[in-house]
Amino acid sequence: MLFDWLRKKTPKKPERPTDPLAAFDQLIEDLERQGAEVRKSAATLLALRGDLARSEERYVKRLEELTKRRALADEQGEGKISATLERDRLQAESLLSTTRESLNRAEQDGKLLLEAAADLGNRVAELRIERESASARLAVGGLVSTALQAQVERFEKVLAVDAARDEVERAHALADIYREERGETVKPG
């Protein structure tokens, strides 16, 4: 007893609600929270897309300007200036290409997240309807509670699968971060 505080305490697994309606409420709350996170990420990508679109326009204008200045330098026989402008043009083209790739990826990911948010919203709406139906059935009799317990277990499995999917997405995102830090290009998937 004296050394109980030294033992590693294992966190207790949260208890499953015994009330089937509470299980619905918990799942609905979890899905709403997940939907809020997805919408937040989609909003971030939309803002990023706007920034990237402005950068793309800026690089296009820069390329046009460099092309004109190089043509003028070539006409005046300024070889060193022309070579410097050519290097600047190549750098601007590289930046434009990278920006366009990032813009494309942000658009694709944004569409995916918006679709996911819509799907989550639909699932929440369906679950709310199902919850109301379950509430009515429970009011009629206690026989339905056994069937709802099986549904609760199925929902827990769905949550476990969703959690696994989230973990995979986090792993991909982490890999993308490390890939970007190393300067490797991200291949659209």
C-alpha atoms as a PDB file:
ATOM      1  CA  MET A   1       0.000   0.000   0.000  1.00  0.00           C
ATOM      2  CA  LEU A   2       2.821   2.361   0.799  1.00  0.00           C
ATOM      3  CA  PHE A   3       4.287   2.112  -2.701  1.00  0.00           C
ATOM      4  CA  ASP A   4       1.019   2.200  -4.624  1.00  0.00           C
ATOM      5  CA  TRP A   5       1.876   5.684  -5.869  1.00  0.00           C
ATOM      6  CA  LEU A   6       4.986   4.253  -7.587  1.00  0.00           C
ATOM      7  CA  ARG A   7       2.995   1.801  -9.638  1.00  0.00           C
ATOM      8  CA  LYS A   8       2.154   2.831 -13.101  1.00  0.00           C
ATOM      9  CA  LYS A   9      -1.520   3.541 -13.143  1.00  0.00           C
ATOM     10  CA  THR A  10      -3.327   2.424 -16.228  1.00  0.00           C
ATOM     11  CA  PRO A  11      -5.994   4.830 -17.334  1.00  0.00           C
ATOM     12  CA  LYS A  12      -9.442   3.423 -17.018  1.00  0.00           C
ATOM     13  CA  LYS A  13     -11.288   2.794 -20.231  1.00  0.00           C
ATOM     14  CA  PRO A  14     -14.264   5.138 -20.420  1.00  0.00           C
ATOM     15  CA  GLU A  15     -17.379   3.239 -19.580  1.00  0.00           C
ATOM     16  CA  ARG A  16     -19.900   2.624 -22.278  1.00  0.00           C
ATOM     17  CA  PRO A  17     -23.110   4.425 -21.606  1.00  0.00           C
ATOM     18  CA  THR A  18     -25.762   2.002 -20.463  1.00  0.00           C
ATOM     19  CA  ASP A  19     -28.501   4.175 -21.929  1.00  0.00           C
ATOM     20  CA  PRO A  20     -28.733   3.540 -25.688  1.00  0.00           C
ATOM     21  CA  LEU A  21     -29.828   7.123 -26.263  1.00  0.00           C
ATOM     22  CA  ALA A  22     -26.708   8.334 -24.499  1.00  0.00           C
ATOM     23  CA  ALA A  23     -24.666   6.211 -26.902  1.00  0.00           C
ATOM     24  CA  PHE A  24     -26.391   7.937 -29.819  1.00  0.00           C
ATOM     25  CA  ASP A  25     -25.769  11.309 -28.246  1.00  0.00           C
ATOM     26  CA  GLN A  26     -22.112  10.481 -27.693  1.00  0.00           C
ATOM     27  CA  LEU A  27     -21.635   9.296 -31.273  1.00  0.00           C
ATOM     28  CA  ILE A  28     -23.473  12.336 -32.648  1.00  0.00           C
ATOM     29  CA  GLU A  29     -21.311  14.617 -30.521  1.00  0.00           C
ATOM     30  CA  ASP A  30     -18.153  12.867 -31.707  1.00  0.00           C
ATOM     31  CA  LEU A  31     -19.219  13.129 -35.344  1.00  0.00           C
ATOM     32  CA  GLU A  32     -20.131  16.799 -34.918  1.00  0.00           C
ATOM     33  CA  ARG A  33     -16.712  17.454 -33.373  1.00  0.00           C
ATOM     34  CA  GLN A  34     -15.041  15.584 -36.229  1.00  0.00           C
ATOM     35  CA  GLY A  35     -17.108  17.562 -38.741  1.00  0.00           C
ATOM     36  CA  ALA A  36     -16.048  20.825 -37.109  1.00  0.00           C
ATOM     37  CA  GLU A  37     -12.386  19.822 -37.408  1.00  0.00           C
ATOM     38  CA  VAL A  38     -12.846  18.864 -41.063  1.00  0.00           C
ATOM     39  CA  ARG A  39     -14.586  22.172 -41.813  1.00  0.00           C
ATOM     40  CA  LYS A  40     -11.804  24.035 -40.021  1.00  0.00           C
ATOM     41  CA  SER A  41      -9.196  22.240 -42.134  1.00  0.00           C
ATOM     42  CA  ALA A  42     -11.191  22.948 -45.305  1.00  0.00           C
ATOM     43  CA  ALA A  43     -11.340  26.645 -44.396  1.00  0.00           C
ATOM     44  CA  THR A  44      -7.591  26.641 -43.885  1.00  0.00           C
ATOM     45  CA  LEU A  45      -7.098  25.110 -47.326  1.00  0.00           C
ATOM     46  CA  LEU A  46      -9.460  27.655 -48.890  1.00  0.00           C
ATOM     47  CA  ALA A  47      -7.423  30.478 -47.377  1.00  0.00           C
ATOM     48  CA  LEU A  48      -4.231  28.809 -48.567  1.00  0.00           C
ATOM     49  CA  ARG A  49      -5.718  28.422 -52.032  1.00  0.00           C
ATOM     50  CA  GLY A  50      -6.371  32.174 -52.143  1.00  0.00           C
ATOM     51  CA  ASP A  51      -2.785  32.927 -51.135  1.00  0.00           C
ATOM     52  CA  LEU A  52      -1.451  30.501 -53.719  1.00  0.00           C
ATOM     53  CA  ALA A  53      -3.638  31.992 -56.454  1.00  0.00           C
ATOM     54  CA  ARG A  54      -2.246  35.458 -55.650  1.00  0.00           C
ATOM     55  CA  SER A  55       1.289  34.061 -55.698  1.00  0.00           C
ATOM     56  CA  GLU A  56       0.617  32.426 -59.062  1.00  0.00           C
ATOM     57  CA  GLU A  57      -0.540  35.749 -60.505  1.00  0.00           C
ATOM     58  CA  ARG A  58       2.521  37.485 -59.072  1.00  0.00           C
ATOM     59  CA  TYR A  59       4.889  34.919 -60.628  1.00  0.00           C
ATOM     60  CA  VAL A  60       3.159  35.131 -64.009  1.00  0.00           C
ATOM     61  CA  LYS A  61       3.558  38.920 -63.976  1.00  0.00           C
ATOM     62  CA  ARG A  62       7.172  38.553 -62.871  1.00  0.00           C
ATOM     63  CA  LEU A  63       7.860  36.161 -65.767  1.00  0.00           C
ATOM     64  CA  GLU A  64       6.323  38.595 -68.246  1.00  0.00           C
ATOM     65  CA  GLU A  65       8.414  41.426 -66.832  1.00  0.00           C
ATOM     66  CA  LEU A  66      11.614  39.372 -66.935  1.00  0.00           C
ATOM     67  CA  THR A  67      10.931  38.288 -70.524  1.00  0.00           C
ATOM     68  CA  LYS A  68      10.484  41.920 -71.620  1.00  0.00           C
ATOM     69  CA  ARG A  69      13.582  43.073 -69.739  1.00  0.00           C
ATOM     70  CA  ARG A  70      15.650  40.241 -71.206  1.00  0.00           C
ATOM     71  CA  ALA A  71      14.499  41.045 -74.731  1.00  0.00           C
ATOM     72  CA  LEU A  72      15.507  44.669 -74.159  1.00  0.00           C
ATOM     73  CA  ALA A  73      18.909  43.589 -72.760  1.00  0.00           C
ATOM     74  CA  ASP A  74      19.428  41.313 -75.797  1.00  0.00           C
ATOM     75  CA  GLU A  75      18.628  44.200 -78.153  1.00  0.00           C
ATOM     76  CA  GLN A  76      21.132  46.431 -76.363  1.00  0.00           C
ATOM     77  CA  GLY A  77      23.780  43.719 -76.355  1.00  0.00           C
ATOM     78  CA  GLU A  78      23.973  43.429 -72.596  1.00  0.00           C
ATOM     79  CA  GLY A  79      25.042  39.782 -72.259  1.00  0.00           C
ATOM     80  CA  LYS A  80      25.667  39.783 -68.489  1.00  0.00           C
ATOM     81  CA  ILE A  81      22.338  41.417 -67.757  1.00  0.00           C
ATOM     82  CA  SER A  82      20.630  39.028 -70.152  1.00  0.00           C
ATOM     83  CA  ALA A  83      22.211  36.006 -68.438  1.00  0.00           C
ATOM     84  CA  THR A  84      21.185  37.292 -64.999  1.00  0.00           C
ATOM     85  CA  LEU A  85      17.648  37.904 -66.202  1.00  0.00           C
ATOM     86  CA  GLU A  86      17.546  34.392 -67.674  1.00  0.00           C
ATOM     87  CA  ARG A  87      18.528  32.917 -64.281  1.00  0.00           C
ATOM     88  CA  ASP A  88      15.835  35.025 -62.636  1.00  0.00           C
ATOM     89  CA  ARG A  89      13.323  33.827 -65.217  1.00  0.00           C
ATOM     90  CA  LEU A  90      14.214  30.173 -64.608  1.00  0.00           C
ATOM     91  CA  GLN A  91      13.858  30.697 -60.869  1.00  0.00           C
ATOM     92  CA  ALA A  92      10.480  32.404 -61.327  1.00  0.00           C
ATOM     93  CA  GLU A  93       9.315  29.542 -63.585  1.00  0.00           C
ATOM     94  CA  SER A  94      10.338  27.043 -60.919  1.00  0.00           C
ATOM     95  CA  LEU A  95       8.461  28.997 -58.258  1.00  0.00           C
ATOM     96  CA  LEU A  96       5.431  29.261 -60.542  1.00  0.00           C
ATOM     97  CA  SER A  97       5.488  25.513 -61.177  1.00  0.00           C
ATOM     98  CA  THR A  98       5.748  24.733 -57.471  1.00  0.00           C
ATOM     99  CA  THR A  99       2.965  27.201 -56.693  1.00  0.00           C
ATOM    100  CA  ARG A 100       0.696  25.649 -59.310  1.00  0.00           C
ATOM    101  CA  GLU A 101       1.350  22.163 -57.920  1.00  0.00           C
ATOM    102  CA  SER A 102       0.578  23.381 -54.403  1.00  0.00           C
ATOM    103  CA  LEU A 103      -2.541  25.146 -55.651  1.00  0.00           C
ATOM    104  CA  ASN A 104      -3.704  21.984 -57.398  1.00  0.00           C
ATOM    105  CA  ARG A 105      -3.124  19.917 -54.282  1.00  0.00           C
ATOM    106  CA  ALA A 106      -4.866  22.470 -52.052  1.00  0.00           C
ATOM    107  CA  GLU A 107      -7.867  22.453 -54.399  1.00  0.00           C
ATOM    108  CA  GLN A 108      -8.007  18.652 -54.454  1.00  0.00           C
ATOM    109  CA  ASP A 109      -7.617  18.367 -50.679  1.00  0.00           C
ATOM    110  CA  GLY A 110     -10.153  21.158 -50.134  1.00  0.00           C
ATOM    111  CA  LYS A 111     -12.724  19.384 -52.290  1.00  0.00           C
ATOM    112  CA  LEU A 112     -12.065  16.152 -50.434  1.00  0.00           C
ATOM    113  CA  LEU A 113     -12.478  17.822 -47.048  1.00  0.00           C
ATOM    114  CA  LEU A 114     -15.674  19.581 -48.112  1.00  0.00           C
ATOM    115  CA  GLU A 115     -17.074  16.248 -49.305  1.00  0.00           C
ATOM    116  CA  ALA A 116     -16.043  14.645 -46.022  1.00  0.00           C
ATOM    117  CA  ALA A 117     -17.724  17.443 -44.063  1.00  0.00           C
ATOM    118  CA  ALA A 118     -20.913  16.959 -46.087  1.00  0.00           C
ATOM    119  CA  ASP A 119     -20.776  13.202 -45.486  1.00  0.00           C
ATOM    120  CA  LEU A 120     -20.317  13.735 -41.758  1.00  0.00           C
ATOM    121  CA  GLY A 121     -23.232  16.168 -41.747  1.00  0.00           C
ATOM    122  CA  ASN A 122     -25.400  13.597 -43.488  1.00  0.00           C
ATOM    123  CA  ARG A 123     -24.342  10.897 -41.031  1.00  0.00           C
ATOM    124  CA  VAL A 124     -25.162  13.172 -38.102  1.00  0.00           C
ATOM    125  CA  ALA A 125     -28.580  13.945 -39.591  1.00  0.00           C
ATOM    126  CA  GLU A 126     -29.231  10.237 -40.136  1.00  0.00           C
ATOM    127  CA  LEU A 127     -28.118   9.453 -36.602  1.00  0.00           C
ATOM    128  CA  ARG A 128     -30.365  12.164 -35.185  1.00  0.00           C
ATOM    129  CA  ILE A 129     -33.323  10.648 -37.044  1.00  0.00           C
ATOM    130  CA  GLU A 130     -32.302   7.209 -35.862  1.00  0.00           C
ATOM    131  CA  ARG A 131     -31.955   8.518 -32.314  1.00  0.00           C
ATOM    132  CA  GLU A 132     -35.456   9.960 -32.379  1.00  0.00           C
ATOM    133  CA  SER A 133     -36.801   6.695 -33.708  1.00  0.00           C
ATOM    134  CA  ALA A 134     -34.923   4.796 -31.012  1.00  0.00           C
ATOM    135  CA  SER A 135     -36.320   7.105 -28.377  1.00  0.00           C
ATOM    136  CA  ALA A 136     -39.865   6.401 -29.572  1.00  0.00           C
ATOM    137  CA  ARG A 137     -39.252   2.670 -29.650  1.00  0.00           C
ATOM    138  CA  LEU A 138     -37.770   2.694 -26.147  1.00  0.00           C
ATOM    139  CA  ALA A 139     -40.857   4.464 -24.881  1.00  0.00           C
ATOM    140  CA  VAL A 140     -42.979   1.630 -26.281  1.00  0.00           C
ATOM    141  CA  GLY A 141     -41.148  -1.195 -24.600  1.00  0.00           C
ATOM    142  CA  GLY A 142     -37.971  -2.656 -23.203  1.00  0.00           C
ATOM    143  CA  LEU A 143     -37.526  -5.298 -25.897  1.00  0.00           C
ATOM    144  CA  VAL A 144     -35.817  -2.836 -28.204  1.00  0.00           C
ATOM    145  CA  SER A 145     -32.957  -2.227 -25.786  1.00  0.00           C
ATOM    146  CA  THR A 146     -31.279  -5.527 -26.682  1.00  0.00           C
ATOM    147  CA  ALA A 147     -31.296  -4.642 -30.368  1.00  0.00           C
ATOM    148  CA  LEU A 148     -29.962  -1.166 -29.644  1.00  0.00           C
ATOM    149  CA  GLN A 149     -27.092  -2.643 -27.640  1.00  0.00           C
ATOM    150  CA  ALA A 150     -25.939  -4.426 -30.786  1.00  0.00           C
ATOM    151  CA  GLN A 151     -26.157  -1.134 -32.675  1.00  0.00           C
ATOM    152  CA  VAL A 152     -24.098   0.579 -29.986  1.00  0.00           C
ATOM    153  CA  GLU A 153     -21.402  -2.052 -30.415  1.00  0.00           C
ATOM    154  CA  ARG A 154     -21.509  -1.534 -34.176  1.00  0.00           C
ATOM    155  CA  PHE A 155     -21.166   2.205 -33.681  1.00  0.00           C
ATOM    156  CA  GLU A 156     -18.138   1.623 -31.462  1.00  0.00           C
ATOM    157  CA  LYS A 157     -16.604  -0.414 -34.249  1.00  0.00           C
ATOM    158  CA  VAL A 158     -17.366   2.391 -36.697  1.00  0.00           C
ATOM    159  CA  LEU A 159     -15.696   4.835 -34.320  1.00  0.00           C
ATOM    160  CA  ALA A 160     -12.675   2.543 -34.047  1.00  0.00           C
ATOM    161  CA  VAL A 161     -12.422   2.379 -37.838  1.00  0.00           C
ATOM    162  CA  ASP A 162     -12.802   6.160 -38.071  1.00  0.00           C
ATOM    163  CA  ALA A 163     -10.068   6.560 -35.469  1.00  0.00           C
ATOM    164  CA  ALA A 164      -7.818   4.231 -37.461  1.00  0.00           C
ATOM    165  CA  ARG A 165      -8.507   6.248 -40.619  1.00  0.00           C
ATOM    166  CA  ASP A 166      -7.703   9.459 -38.756  1.00  0.00           C
ATOM    167  CA  GLU A 167      -4.432   7.946 -37.538  1.00  0.00           C
ATOM    168  CA  VAL A 168      -3.503   6.951 -41.095  1.00  0.00           C
ATOM    169  CA  GLU A 169      -4.282  10.486 -42.306  1.00  0.00           C
ATOM    170  CA  ARG A 170      -2.198  11.955 -39.488  1.00  0.00           C
ATOM    171  CA  ALA A 171       0.658   9.663 -40.483  1.00  0.00           C
ATOM    172  CA  HIS A 172       0.390  10.808 -44.103  1.00  0.00           C
ATOM    173  CA  ALA A 173       0.290  14.430 -43.010  1.00  0.00           C
ATOM    174  CA  LEU A 174       3.350  13.909 -40.816  1.00  0.00           C
ATOM    175  CA  ALA A 175       5.159  12.230 -43.698  1.00  0.00           C
ATOM    176  CA  ASP A 176       4.237  15.172 -45.926  1.00  0.00           C
ATOM    177  CA  ILE A 177       5.669  17.574 -43.350  1.00  0.00           C
ATOM    178  CA  TYR A 178       8.947  15.640 -43.171  1.00  0.00           C
ATOM    179  CA  ARG A 179       8.997  15.334 -46.938  1.00  0.00           C
ATOM    180  CA  GLU A 180       8.590  19.098 -47.261  1.00  0.00           C
ATOM    181  CA  GLU A 181      11.325  19.699 -44.702  1.00  0.00           C
ATOM    182  CA  ARG A 182      13.657  17.558 -46.758  1.00  0.00           C
ATOM    183  CA  GLY A 183      12.648  19.397 -49.883  1.00  0.00           C
ATOM    184  CA  GLU A 184      11.167  16.367 -51.571  1.00  0.00           C
ATOM    185  CA  THR A 185       8.201  16.849 -53.829  1.00  0.00           C
ATOM    186  CA  VAL A 186       4.826  15.561 -52.728  1.00  0.00           C
ATOM    187  CA  LYS A 187       3.198  13.290 -55.264  1.00  0.00           C
ATOM    188  CA  PRO A 188      -0.564  13.877 -55.492  1.00  0.00           C
ATOM    189  CA  GLY A 189      -2.370  10.745 -54.418  1.00  0.00           C
END
